């Protein structure tokens, strides 16, 4: 990876190699654009994967569904309680209650 970084270094290029500097700038832009496109496609693929799991759940064991919320919502829009169906085709649900404990940084 360090070799690629060294090859893309553009701030110390002599004037007589201006074309090479411009080529590296263009390559750097193309690599950034490619990375952004890959991230966009990854996000879309993950979303579509979740949709497929929900549409054809009987073929994906271990898939649970949040099918409703109960009670008041907090500042983040989360309800006081969530109703969760543990598997496709069952006729009952679990109710999970908010504890006000969070995981991860709070910005």
PDB file of N, CA and C in Angstrom:
ATOM      1  N   UNK A   1       0.830  -1.193   0.000  1.00  0.00           N
ATOM      2  CA  UNK A   1       0.000   0.000   0.000  1.00  0.00           C
ATOM      3  C   UNK A   1       0.867   1.247   0.000  1.00  0.00           C
ATOM      4  N   UNK A   2       2.001   1.205   0.695  1.00  0.00           N
ATOM      5  CA  UNK A   2       2.881   2.365   0.761  1.00  0.00           C
ATOM      6  C   UNK A   2       3.419   2.729  -0.618  1.00  0.00           C
ATOM      7  N   UNK A   3       3.685   1.723  -1.473  1.00  0.00           N
ATOM      8  CA  UNK A   3       4.168   2.001  -2.821  1.00  0.00           C
ATOM      9  C   UNK A   3       3.159   2.822  -3.618  1.00  0.00           C
ATOM     10  N   UNK A   4       1.888   2.508  -3.471  1.00  0.00           N
ATOM     11  CA  UNK A   4       0.853   3.257  -4.183  1.00  0.00           C
ATOM     12  C   UNK A   4       0.829   4.702  -3.700  1.00  0.00           C
ATOM     13  N   UNK A   5       0.940   4.880  -2.390  1.00  0.00           N
ATOM     14  CA  UNK A   5       0.954   6.233  -1.837  1.00  0.00           C
ATOM     15  C   UNK A   5       2.142   7.014  -2.383  1.00  0.00           C
ATOM     16  N   UNK A   6       3.309   6.381  -2.432  1.00  0.00           N
ATOM     17  CA  UNK A   6       4.497   7.053  -2.965  1.00  0.00           C
ATOM     18  C   UNK A   6       4.330   7.394  -4.447  1.00  0.00           C
ATOM     19  N   UNK A   7       3.687   6.516  -5.195  1.00  0.00           N
ATOM     20  CA  UNK A   7       3.483   6.774  -6.613  1.00  0.00           C
ATOM     21  C   UNK A   7       2.506   7.909  -6.849  1.00  0.00           C
ATOM     22  N   UNK A   8       1.573   8.101  -5.927  1.00  0.00           N
ATOM     23  CA  UNK A   8       0.578   9.151  -6.092  1.00  0.00           C
ATOM     24  C   UNK A   8       1.019  10.481  -5.502  1.00  0.00           C
ATOM     25  N   UNK A   9       2.207  10.540  -4.891  1.00  0.00           N
ATOM     26  CA  UNK A   9       2.697  11.783  -4.301  1.00  0.00           C
ATOM     27  C   UNK A   9       2.918  12.811  -5.419  1.00  0.00           C
ATOM     28  N   UNK A  10       2.275  13.977  -5.309  1.00  0.00           N
ATOM     29  CA  UNK A  10       2.305  14.941  -6.409  1.00  0.00           C
ATOM     30  C   UNK A  10       2.893  16.289  -6.018  1.00  0.00           C
ATOM     31  N   UNK A  11       3.157  16.497  -4.734  1.00  0.00           N
ATOM     32  CA  UNK A  11       3.572  17.832  -4.314  1.00  0.00           C
ATOM     33  C   UNK A  11       5.046  18.139  -4.570  1.00  0.00           C
ATOM     34  N   UNK A  12       5.861  17.139  -4.892  1.00  0.00           N
ATOM     35  CA  UNK A  12       7.290  17.374  -5.104  1.00  0.00           C
ATOM     36  C   UNK A  12       7.719  17.024  -6.528  1.00  0.00           C
ATOM     37  N   UNK A  13       6.907  17.331  -7.512  1.00  0.00           N
ATOM     38  CA  UNK A  13       7.157  16.986  -8.902  1.00  0.00           C
ATOM     39  C   UNK A  13       7.848  18.157  -9.602  1.00  0.00           C
ATOM     40  N   UNK A  14       8.991  17.935 -10.303  1.00  0.00           N
ATOM     41  CA  UNK A  14       9.639  19.031 -11.053  1.00  0.00           C
ATOM     42  C   UNK A  14       8.761  19.521 -12.210  1.00  0.00           C
ATOM     43  N   UNK A  15       9.004  20.758 -12.634  1.00  0.00           N
ATOM     44  CA  UNK A  15       8.185  21.375 -13.687  1.00  0.00           C
ATOM     45  C   UNK A  15       8.256  20.620 -15.011  1.00  0.00           C
ATOM     46  N   UNK A  16       9.413  20.052 -15.360  1.00  0.00           N
ATOM     47  CA  UNK A  16       9.538  19.379 -16.651  1.00  0.00           C
ATOM     48  C   UNK A  16       8.754  18.066 -16.697  1.00  0.00           C
ATOM     49  N   UNK A  17       8.220  17.650 -15.584  1.00  0.00           N
ATOM     50  CA  UNK A  17       7.404  16.438 -15.533  1.00  0.00           C
ATOM     51  C   UNK A  17       5.958  16.793 -15.188  1.00  0.00           C
ATOM     52  N   UNK A  18       5.517  17.941 -15.674  1.00  0.00           N
ATOM     53  CA  UNK A  18       4.172  18.432 -15.395  1.00  0.00           C
ATOM     54  C   UNK A  18       3.101  17.437 -15.848  1.00  0.00           C
ATOM     55  N   UNK A  19       3.307  16.805 -17.003  1.00  0.00           N
ATOM     56  CA  UNK A  19       2.326  15.842 -17.510  1.00  0.00           C
ATOM     57  C   UNK A  19       2.144  14.683 -16.538  1.00  0.00           C
ATOM     58  N   UNK A  20       3.258  14.272 -15.904  1.00  0.00           N
ATOM     59  CA  UNK A  20       3.185  13.165 -14.951  1.00  0.00           C
ATOM     60  C   UNK A  20       2.411  13.599 -13.698  1.00  0.00           C
ATOM     61  N   UNK A  21       2.627  14.839 -13.289  1.00  0.00           N
ATOM     62  CA  UNK A  21       1.901  15.379 -12.142  1.00  0.00           C
ATOM     63  C   UNK A  21       0.402  15.407 -12.432  1.00  0.00           C
ATOM     64  N   UNK A  22       0.035  15.876 -13.625  1.00  0.00           N
ATOM     65  CA  UNK A  22      -1.374  15.938 -14.004  1.00  0.00           C
ATOM     66  C   UNK A  22      -1.986  14.539 -14.106  1.00  0.00           C
ATOM     67  N   UNK A  23      -1.209  13.599 -14.597  1.00  0.00           N
ATOM     68  CA  UNK A  23      -1.689  12.219 -14.693  1.00  0.00           C
ATOM     69  C   UNK A  23      -1.941  11.635 -13.307  1.00  0.00           C
ATOM     70  N   UNK A  24      -1.071  11.942 -12.364  1.00  0.00           N
ATOM     71  CA  UNK A  24      -1.254  11.438 -11.003  1.00  0.00           C
ATOM     72  C   UNK A  24      -2.453  12.092 -10.317  1.00  0.00           C
ATOM     73  N   UNK A  25      -2.657  13.361 -10.587  1.00  0.00           N
ATOM     74  CA  UNK A  25      -3.840  14.031 -10.036  1.00  0.00           C
ATOM     75  C   UNK A  25      -5.097  13.367 -10.577  1.00  0.00           C
ATOM     76  N   UNK A  26      -5.122  13.123 -11.885  1.00  0.00           N
ATOM     77  CA  UNK A  26      -6.269  12.470 -12.505  1.00  0.00           C
ATOM     78  C   UNK A  26      -6.473  11.065 -11.935  1.00  0.00           C
ATOM     79  N   UNK A  27      -5.392  10.311 -11.771  1.00  0.00           N
ATOM     80  CA  UNK A  27      -5.480   8.959 -11.214  1.00  0.00           C
ATOM     81  C   UNK A  27      -6.017   9.007  -9.783  1.00  0.00           C
ATOM     82  N   UNK A  28      -5.565   9.969  -9.013  1.00  0.00           N
ATOM     83  CA  UNK A  28      -6.028  10.122  -7.638  1.00  0.00           C
ATOM     84  C   UNK A  28      -7.538  10.404  -7.610  1.00  0.00           C
ATOM     85  N   UNK A  29      -8.003  11.275  -8.485  1.00  0.00           N
ATOM     86  CA  UNK A  29      -9.438  11.577  -8.569  1.00  0.00           C
ATOM     87  C   UNK A  29     -10.240  10.350  -8.981  1.00  0.00           C
ATOM     88  N   UNK A  30      -9.716   9.609  -9.941  1.00  0.00           N
ATOM     89  CA  UNK A  30     -10.406   8.402 -10.394  1.00  0.00           C
ATOM     90  C   UNK A  30     -10.496   7.366  -9.276  1.00  0.00           C
ATOM     91  N   UNK A  31      -9.415   7.207  -8.511  1.00  0.00           N
ATOM     92  CA  UNK A  31      -9.433   6.257  -7.405  1.00  0.00           C
ATOM     93  C   UNK A  31     -10.433   6.684  -6.332  1.00  0.00           C
ATOM     94  N   UNK A  32     -10.491   7.972  -6.040  1.00  0.00           N
ATOM     95  CA  UNK A  32     -11.471   8.464  -5.072  1.00  0.00           C
ATOM     96  C   UNK A  32     -12.893   8.220  -5.566  1.00  0.00           C
ATOM     97  N   UNK A  33     -13.136   8.507  -6.842  1.00  0.00           N
ATOM     98  CA  UNK A  33     -14.466   8.276  -7.419  1.00  0.00           C
ATOM     99  C   UNK A  33     -14.835   6.791  -7.361  1.00  0.00           C
ATOM    100  N   UNK A  34     -13.869   5.933  -7.657  1.00  0.00           N
ATOM    101  CA  UNK A  34     -14.121   4.489  -7.617  1.00  0.00           C
ATOM    102  C   UNK A  34     -14.435   4.037  -6.195  1.00  0.00           C
ATOM    103  N   UNK A  35     -13.711   4.545  -5.216  1.00  0.00           N
ATOM    104  CA  UNK A  35     -13.962   4.176  -3.825  1.00  0.00           C
ATOM    105  C   UNK A  35     -15.349   4.621  -3.383  1.00  0.00           C
ATOM    106  N   UNK A  36     -15.757   5.820  -3.774  1.00  0.00           N
ATOM    107  CA  UNK A  36     -17.091   6.307  -3.425  1.00  0.00           C
ATOM    108  C   UNK A  36     -18.180   5.458  -4.082  1.00  0.00           C
ATOM    109  N   UNK A  37     -17.960   5.060  -5.328  1.00  0.00           N
ATOM    110  CA  UNK A  37     -18.941   4.226  -6.030  1.00  0.00           C
ATOM    111  C   UNK A  37     -19.043   2.842  -5.387  1.00  0.00           C
ATOM    112  N   UNK A  38     -17.912   2.278  -4.992  1.00  0.00           N
ATOM    113  CA  UNK A  38     -17.927   0.978  -4.323  1.00  0.00           C
ATOM    114  C   UNK A  38     -18.700   1.074  -3.016  1.00  0.00           C
ATOM    115  N   UNK A  39     -18.493   2.145  -2.248  1.00  0.00           N
ATOM    116  CA  UNK A  39     -19.220   2.321  -0.989  1.00  0.00           C
ATOM    117  C   UNK A  39     -20.715   2.482  -1.243  1.00  0.00           C
ATOM    118  N   UNK A  40     -21.096   3.235  -2.284  1.00  0.00           N
ATOM    119  CA  UNK A  40     -22.504   3.408  -2.622  1.00  0.00           C
ATOM    120  C   UNK A  40     -23.132   2.071  -2.989  1.00  0.00           C
ATOM    121  N   UNK A  41     -22.428   1.270  -3.791  1.00  0.00           N
ATOM    122  CA  UNK A  41     -22.952  -0.035  -4.201  1.00  0.00           C
ATOM    123  C   UNK A  41     -23.035  -0.998  -3.020  1.00  0.00           C
ATOM    124  N   UNK A  42     -22.079  -0.946  -2.099  1.00  0.00           N
ATOM    125  CA  UNK A  42     -22.112  -1.797  -0.918  1.00  0.00           C
ATOM    126  C   UNK A  42     -23.348  -1.486  -0.070  1.00  0.00           C
ATOM    127  N   UNK A  43     -23.618  -0.198   0.111  1.00  0.00           N
ATOM    128  CA  UNK A  43     -24.787   0.215   0.882  1.00  0.00           C
ATOM    129  C   UNK A  43     -26.072  -0.265   0.209  1.00  0.00           C
ATOM    130  N   UNK A  44     -26.141  -0.099  -1.096  1.00  0.00           N
ATOM    131  CA  UNK A  44     -27.334  -0.538  -1.841  1.00  0.00           C
ATOM    132  C   UNK A  44     -27.493  -2.053  -1.763  1.00  0.00           C
ATOM    133  N   UNK A  45     -26.408  -2.781  -1.884  1.00  0.00           N
ATOM    134  CA  UNK A  45     -26.449  -4.246  -1.819  1.00  0.00           C
ATOM    135  C   UNK A  45     -26.924  -4.704  -0.443  1.00  0.00           C
ATOM    136  N   UNK A  46     -26.436  -4.071   0.614  1.00  0.00           N
ATOM    137  CA  UNK A  46     -26.879  -4.436   1.956  1.00  0.00           C
ATOM    138  C   UNK A  46     -28.366  -4.173   2.137  1.00  0.00           C
ATOM    139  N   UNK A  47     -28.851  -3.060   1.598  1.00  0.00           N
ATOM    140  CA  UNK A  47     -30.281  -2.744   1.689  1.00  0.00           C
ATOM    141  C   UNK A  47     -31.107  -3.778   0.932  1.00  0.00           C
ATOM    142  N   UNK A  48     -30.678  -4.122  -0.266  1.00  0.00           N
ATOM    143  CA  UNK A  48     -31.411  -5.101  -1.067  1.00  0.00           C
ATOM    144  C   UNK A  48     -31.368  -6.483  -0.424  1.00  0.00           C
ATOM    145  N   UNK A  49     -30.267  -6.816   0.211  1.00  0.00           N
ATOM    146  CA  UNK A  49     -30.166  -8.090   0.920  1.00  0.00           C
ATOM    147  C   UNK A  49     -31.205  -8.165   2.034  1.00  0.00           C
ATOM    148  N   UNK A  50     -31.349  -7.070   2.779  1.00  0.00           N
ATOM    149  CA  UNK A  50     -32.349  -7.048   3.854  1.00  0.00           C
ATOM    150  C   UNK A  50     -33.757  -7.166   3.282  1.00  0.00           C
ATOM    151  N   UNK A  51     -34.030  -6.502   2.170  1.00  0.00           N
ATOM    152  CA  UNK A  51     -35.348  -6.591   1.531  1.00  0.00           C
ATOM    153  C   UNK A  51     -35.636  -8.037   1.117  1.00  0.00           C
ATOM    154  N   UNK A  52     -34.667  -8.696   0.502  1.00  0.00           N
ATOM    155  CA  UNK A  52     -34.858 -10.087   0.083  1.00  0.00           C
ATOM    156  C   UNK A  52     -35.097 -11.006   1.268  1.00  0.00           C
ATOM    157  N   UNK A  53     -34.383 -10.784   2.366  1.00  0.00           N
ATOM    158  CA  UNK A  53     -34.592 -11.602   3.560  1.00  0.00           C
ATOM    159  C   UNK A  53     -36.017 -11.433   4.085  1.00  0.00           C
ATOM    160  N   UNK A  54     -36.543 -10.231   3.966  1.00  0.00           N
ATOM    161  CA  UNK A  54     -37.899  -9.980   4.461  1.00  0.00           C
ATOM    162  C   UNK A  54     -38.959 -10.521   3.495  1.00  0.00           C
ATOM    163  N   UNK A  55     -38.687 -10.474   2.197  1.00  0.00           N
ATOM    164  CA  UNK A  55     -39.671 -10.930   1.221  1.00  0.00           C
ATOM    165  C   UNK A  55     -39.818 -12.445   1.190  1.00  0.00           C
ATOM    166  N   UNK A  56     -38.724 -13.148   1.408  1.00  0.00           N
ATOM    167  CA  UNK A  56     -38.737 -14.604   1.297  1.00  0.00           C
ATOM    168  C   UNK A  56     -38.147 -15.209   2.574  1.00  0.00           C
ATOM    169  N   UNK A  57     -38.709 -14.816   3.708  1.00  0.00           N
ATOM    170  CA  UNK A  57     -38.127 -15.141   5.012  1.00  0.00           C
ATOM    171  C   UNK A  57     -38.063 -16.634   5.306  1.00  0.00           C
ATOM    172  N   UNK A  58     -38.988 -17.422   4.768  1.00  0.00           N
ATOM    173  CA  UNK A  58     -38.965 -18.853   5.085  1.00  0.00           C
ATOM    174  C   UNK A  58     -37.702 -19.540   4.566  1.00  0.00           C
ATOM    175  N   UNK A  59     -37.007 -18.921   3.627  1.00  0.00           N
ATOM    176  CA  UNK A  59     -35.769 -19.498   3.109  1.00  0.00           C
ATOM    177  C   UNK A  59     -34.536 -19.014   3.875  1.00  0.00           C
ATOM    178  N   UNK A  60     -34.735 -18.111   4.839  1.00  0.00           N
ATOM    179  CA  UNK A  60     -33.635 -17.570   5.625  1.00  0.00           C
ATOM    180  C   UNK A  60     -33.905 -17.803   7.108  1.00  0.00           C
ATOM    181  N   UNK A  61     -33.562 -18.980   7.631  1.00  0.00           N
ATOM    182  CA  UNK A  61     -33.822 -19.237   9.047  1.00  0.00           C
ATOM    183  C   UNK A  61     -33.029 -18.275   9.933  1.00  0.00           C
ATOM    184  N   UNK A  62     -33.567 -17.986  11.086  1.00  0.00           N
ATOM    185  CA  UNK A  62     -32.890 -17.091  12.009  1.00  0.00           C
ATOM    186  C   UNK A  62     -33.184 -15.622  11.759  1.00  0.00           C
ATOM    187  N   UNK A  63     -34.106 -15.342  10.854  1.00  0.00           N
ATOM    188  CA  UNK A  63     -34.467 -13.960  10.562  1.00  0.00           C
ATOM    189  C   UNK A  63     -35.611 -13.547  11.468  1.00  0.00           C
ATOM    190  N   UNK A  64     -35.444 -12.448  12.164  1.00  0.00           N
ATOM    191  CA  UNK A  64     -36.525 -11.926  13.000  1.00  0.00           C
ATOM    192  C   UNK A  64     -37.012 -10.606  12.423  1.00  0.00           C
ATOM    193  N   UNK A  65     -38.186 -10.187  12.861  1.00  0.00           N
ATOM    194  CA  UNK A  65     -38.811  -8.993  12.305  1.00  0.00           C
ATOM    195  C   UNK A  65     -39.271  -8.073  13.418  1.00  0.00           C
ATOM    196  N   UNK A  66     -38.972  -6.812  13.298  1.00  0.00           N
ATOM    197  CA  UNK A  66     -39.573  -5.812  14.162  1.00  0.00           C
ATOM    198  C   UNK A  66     -40.853  -5.395  13.450  1.00  0.00           C
ATOM    199  N   UNK A  67     -41.992  -5.704  14.037  1.00  0.00           N
ATOM    200  CA  UNK A  67     -43.239  -5.445  13.318  1.00  0.00           C
ATOM    201  C   UNK A  67     -44.083  -4.349  13.938  1.00  0.00           C
ATOM    202  N   UNK A  68     -43.577  -3.670  14.953  1.00  0.00           N
ATOM    203  CA  UNK A  68     -44.351  -2.558  15.492  1.00  0.00           C
ATOM    204  C   UNK A  68     -43.698  -1.946  16.706  1.00  0.00           C
ATOM    205  N   UNK A  69     -44.167  -0.767  17.040  1.00  0.00           N
ATOM    206  CA  UNK A  69     -43.686  -0.065  18.218  1.00  0.00           C
ATOM    207  C   UNK A  69     -44.861   0.357  19.080  1.00  0.00           C
ATOM    208  N   UNK A  70     -44.633   0.446  20.382  1.00  0.00           N
ATOM    209  CA  UNK A  70     -45.674   0.816  21.325  1.00  0.00           C
ATOM    210  C   UNK A  70     -45.180   1.950  22.220  1.00  0.00           C
ATOM    211  N   UNK A  71     -46.058   2.819  22.605  1.00  0.00           N
ATOM    212  CA  UNK A  71     -45.724   3.861  23.575  1.00  0.00           C
ATOM    213  C   UNK A  71     -45.138   5.109  22.940  1.00  0.00           C
ATOM    214  N   UNK A  72     -44.706   6.002  23.823  1.00  0.00           N
ATOM    215  CA  UNK A  72     -44.127   7.283  23.395  1.00  0.00           C
ATOM    216  C   UNK A  72     -42.772   7.069  22.740  1.00  0.00           C
ATOM    217  N   UNK A  73     -42.396   7.984  21.850  1.00  0.00           N
ATOM    218  CA  UNK A  73     -41.079   7.931  21.219  1.00  0.00           C
ATOM    219  C   UNK A  73     -40.140   8.919  21.892  1.00  0.00           C
ATOM    220  N   UNK A  74     -38.853   8.601  21.876  1.00  0.00           N
ATOM    221  CA  UNK A  74     -37.854   9.490  22.463  1.00  0.00           C
ATOM    222  C   UNK A  74     -37.363  10.487  21.429  1.00  0.00           C
ATOM    223  N   UNK A  75     -36.310  11.231  21.755  1.00  0.00           N
ATOM    224  CA  UNK A  75     -35.773  12.256  20.854  1.00  0.00           C
ATOM    225  C   UNK A  75     -35.233  11.662  19.558  1.00  0.00           C
ATOM    226  N   UNK A  76     -34.857  10.387  19.568  1.00  0.00           N
ATOM    227  CA  UNK A  76     -34.339   9.721  18.368  1.00  0.00           C
ATOM    228  C   UNK A  76     -35.426   9.016  17.575  1.00  0.00           C
ATOM    229  N   UNK A  77     -36.674   9.135  18.016  1.00  0.00           N
ATOM    230  CA  UNK A  77     -37.781   8.504  17.304  1.00  0.00           C
ATOM    231  C   UNK A  77     -37.996   7.047  17.667  1.00  0.00           C
ATOM    232  N   UNK A  78     -37.305   6.557  18.693  1.00  0.00           N
ATOM    233  CA  UNK A  78     -37.460   5.162  19.107  1.00  0.00           C
ATOM    234  C   UNK A  78     -38.631   5.036  20.066  1.00  0.00           C
ATOM    235  N   UNK A  79     -39.513   4.034  19.845  1.00  0.00           N
ATOM    236  CA  UNK A  79     -40.656   3.860  20.735  1.00  0.00           C
ATOM    237  C   UNK A  79     -40.228   3.275  22.080  1.00  0.00           C
ATOM    238  N   UNK A  80     -41.137   3.365  23.039  1.00  0.00           N
ATOM    239  CA  UNK A  80     -40.869   2.820  24.372  1.00  0.00           C
ATOM    240  C   UNK A  80     -40.721   1.298  24.330  1.00  0.00           C
ATOM    241  N   UNK A  81     -41.516   0.644  23.471  1.00  0.00           N
ATOM    242  CA  UNK A  81     -41.462  -0.818  23.343  1.00  0.00           C
ATOM    243  C   UNK A  81     -41.455  -1.210  21.871  1.00  0.00           C
ATOM    244  N   UNK A  82     -40.789  -2.329  21.555  1.00  0.00           N
ATOM    245  CA  UNK A  82     -40.774  -2.889  20.199  1.00  0.00           C
ATOM    246  C   UNK A  82     -41.409  -4.268  20.230  1.00  0.00           C
ATOM    247  N   UNK A  83     -42.211  -4.573  19.216  1.00  0.00           N
ATOM    248  CA  UNK A  83     -42.774  -5.909  19.059  1.00  0.00           C
ATOM    249  C   UNK A  83     -41.944  -6.641  18.006  1.00  0.00           C
ATOM    250  N   UNK A  84     -41.438  -7.813  18.385  1.00  0.00           N
ATOM    251  CA  UNK A  84     -40.541  -8.574  17.514  1.00  0.00           C
ATOM    252  C   UNK A  84     -41.104  -9.967  17.302  1.00  0.00           C
ATOM    253  N   UNK A  85     -41.193 -10.368  16.028  1.00  0.00           N
ATOM    254  CA  UNK A  85     -41.597 -11.729  15.671  1.00  0.00           C
ATOM    255  C   UNK A  85     -40.307 -12.525  15.480  1.00  0.00           C
ATOM    256  N   UNK A  86     -40.147 -13.642  16.209  1.00  0.00           N
ATOM    257  CA  UNK A  86     -38.873 -14.362  16.169  1.00  0.00           C
ATOM    258  C   UNK A  86     -38.611 -15.166  14.898  1.00  0.00           C
ATOM    259  N   UNK A  87     -39.626 -15.519  14.130  1.00  0.00           N
ATOM    260  CA  UNK A  87     -39.417 -16.321  12.917  1.00  0.00           C
ATOM    261  C   UNK A  87     -40.622 -16.175  12.004  1.00  0.00           C
ATOM    262  N   UNK A  88     -40.418 -16.527  10.751  1.00  0.00           N
ATOM    263  CA  UNK A  88     -41.489 -16.456   9.763  1.00  0.00           C
ATOM    264  C   UNK A  88     -42.590 -17.452  10.104  1.00  0.00           C
ATOM    265  N   UNK A  89     -43.838 -16.989  10.076  1.00  0.00           N
ATOM    266  CA  UNK A  89     -44.974 -17.877  10.225  1.00  0.00           C
ATOM    267  C   UNK A  89     -45.431 -18.136  11.646  1.00  0.00           C
ATOM    268  N   UNK A  90     -44.772 -17.583  12.657  1.00  0.00           N
ATOM    269  CA  UNK A  90     -45.238 -17.811  14.026  1.00  0.00           C
ATOM    270  C   UNK A  90     -46.376 -16.845  14.335  1.00  0.00           C
ATOM    271  N   UNK A  91     -47.199 -17.218  15.311  1.00  0.00           N
ATOM    272  CA  UNK A  91     -48.363 -16.398  15.625  1.00  0.00           C
ATOM    273  C   UNK A  91     -48.235 -15.682  16.965  1.00  0.00           C
ATOM    274  N   UNK A  92     -47.005 -15.372  17.375  1.00  0.00           N
ATOM    275  CA  UNK A  92     -46.790 -14.613  18.596  1.00  0.00           C
ATOM    276  C   UNK A  92     -45.610 -13.669  18.393  1.00  0.00           C
ATOM    277  N   UNK A  93     -45.434 -12.752  19.322  1.00  0.00           N
ATOM    278  CA  UNK A  93     -44.296 -11.837  19.238  1.00  0.00           C
ATOM    279  C   UNK A  93     -43.772 -11.553  20.637  1.00  0.00           C
ATOM    280  N   UNK A  94     -42.528 -11.114  20.697  1.00  0.00           N
ATOM    281  CA  UNK A  94     -41.911 -10.676  21.945  1.00  0.00           C
ATOM    282  C   UNK A  94     -42.039  -9.159  22.023  1.00  0.00           C
ATOM    283  N   UNK A  95     -42.066  -8.642  23.241  1.00  0.00           N
ATOM    284  CA  UNK A  95     -42.072  -7.199  23.433  1.00  0.00           C
ATOM    285  C   UNK A  95     -40.796  -6.825  24.174  1.00  0.00           C
ATOM    286  N   UNK A  96     -40.003  -5.949  23.559  1.00  0.00           N
ATOM    287  CA  UNK A  96     -38.768  -5.459  24.159  1.00  0.00           C
ATOM    288  C   UNK A  96     -38.995  -4.028  24.597  1.00  0.00           C
ATOM    289  N   UNK A  97     -38.528  -3.708  25.811  1.00  0.00           N
ATOM    290  CA  UNK A  97     -38.744  -2.385  26.369  1.00  0.00           C
ATOM    291  C   UNK A  97     -37.441  -1.595  26.381  1.00  0.00           C
ATOM    292  N   UNK A  98     -37.540  -0.303  26.076  1.00  0.00           N
ATOM    293  CA  UNK A  98     -36.390   0.602  26.068  1.00  0.00           C
ATOM    294  C   UNK A  98     -35.859   0.751  27.498  1.00  0.00           C
ATOM    295  N   UNK A  99     -34.524   0.750  27.627  1.00  0.00           N
ATOM    296  CA  UNK A  99     -33.897   0.860  28.945  1.00  0.00           C
ATOM    297  C   UNK A  99     -33.176   2.192  29.145  1.00  0.00           C
ATOM    298  N   UNK A 100     -33.103   3.031  28.131  1.00  0.00           N
ATOM    299  CA  UNK A 100     -32.373   4.306  28.138  1.00  0.00           C
ATOM    300  C   UNK A 100     -30.858   4.115  28.142  1.00  0.00           C
ATOM    301  N   UNK A 101     -30.389   2.874  28.100  1.00  0.00           N
ATOM    302  CA  UNK A 101     -28.956   2.605  27.977  1.00  0.00           C
ATOM    303  C   UNK A 101     -28.630   2.562  26.492  1.00  0.00           C
ATOM    304  N   UNK A 102     -27.508   3.152  26.110  1.00  0.00           N
ATOM    305  CA  UNK A 102     -27.108   3.148  24.700  1.00  0.00           C
ATOM    306  C   UNK A 102     -25.734   2.513  24.553  1.00  0.00           C
ATOM    307  N   UNK A 103     -25.462   2.051  23.365  1.00  0.00           N
ATOM    308  CA  UNK A 103     -24.160   1.484  23.029  1.00  0.00           C
ATOM    309  C   UNK A 103     -23.559   2.356  21.948  1.00  0.00           C
ATOM    310  N   UNK A 104     -22.324   2.741  22.091  1.00  0.00           N
ATOM    311  CA  UNK A 104     -21.657   3.559  21.098  1.00  0.00           C
ATOM    312  C   UNK A 104     -21.604   5.009  21.526  1.00  0.00           C
ATOM    313  N   UNK A 105     -20.908   5.814  20.750  1.00  0.00           N
ATOM    314  CA  UNK A 105     -20.775   7.237  21.116  1.00  0.00           C
ATOM    315  C   UNK A 105     -22.074   7.985  20.932  1.00  0.00           C
ATOM    316  N   UNK A 106     -22.314   8.921  21.801  1.00  0.00           N
ATOM    317  CA  UNK A 106     -23.464   9.805  21.661  1.00  0.00           C
ATOM    318  C   UNK A 106     -22.949  11.170  21.259  1.00  0.00           C
ATOM    319  N   UNK A 107     -23.318  11.622  20.098  1.00  0.00           N
ATOM    320  CA  UNK A 107     -22.780  12.881  19.575  1.00  0.00           C
ATOM    321  C   UNK A 107     -23.595  14.036  20.009  1.00  0.00           C
TER     322      UNK A 107
END
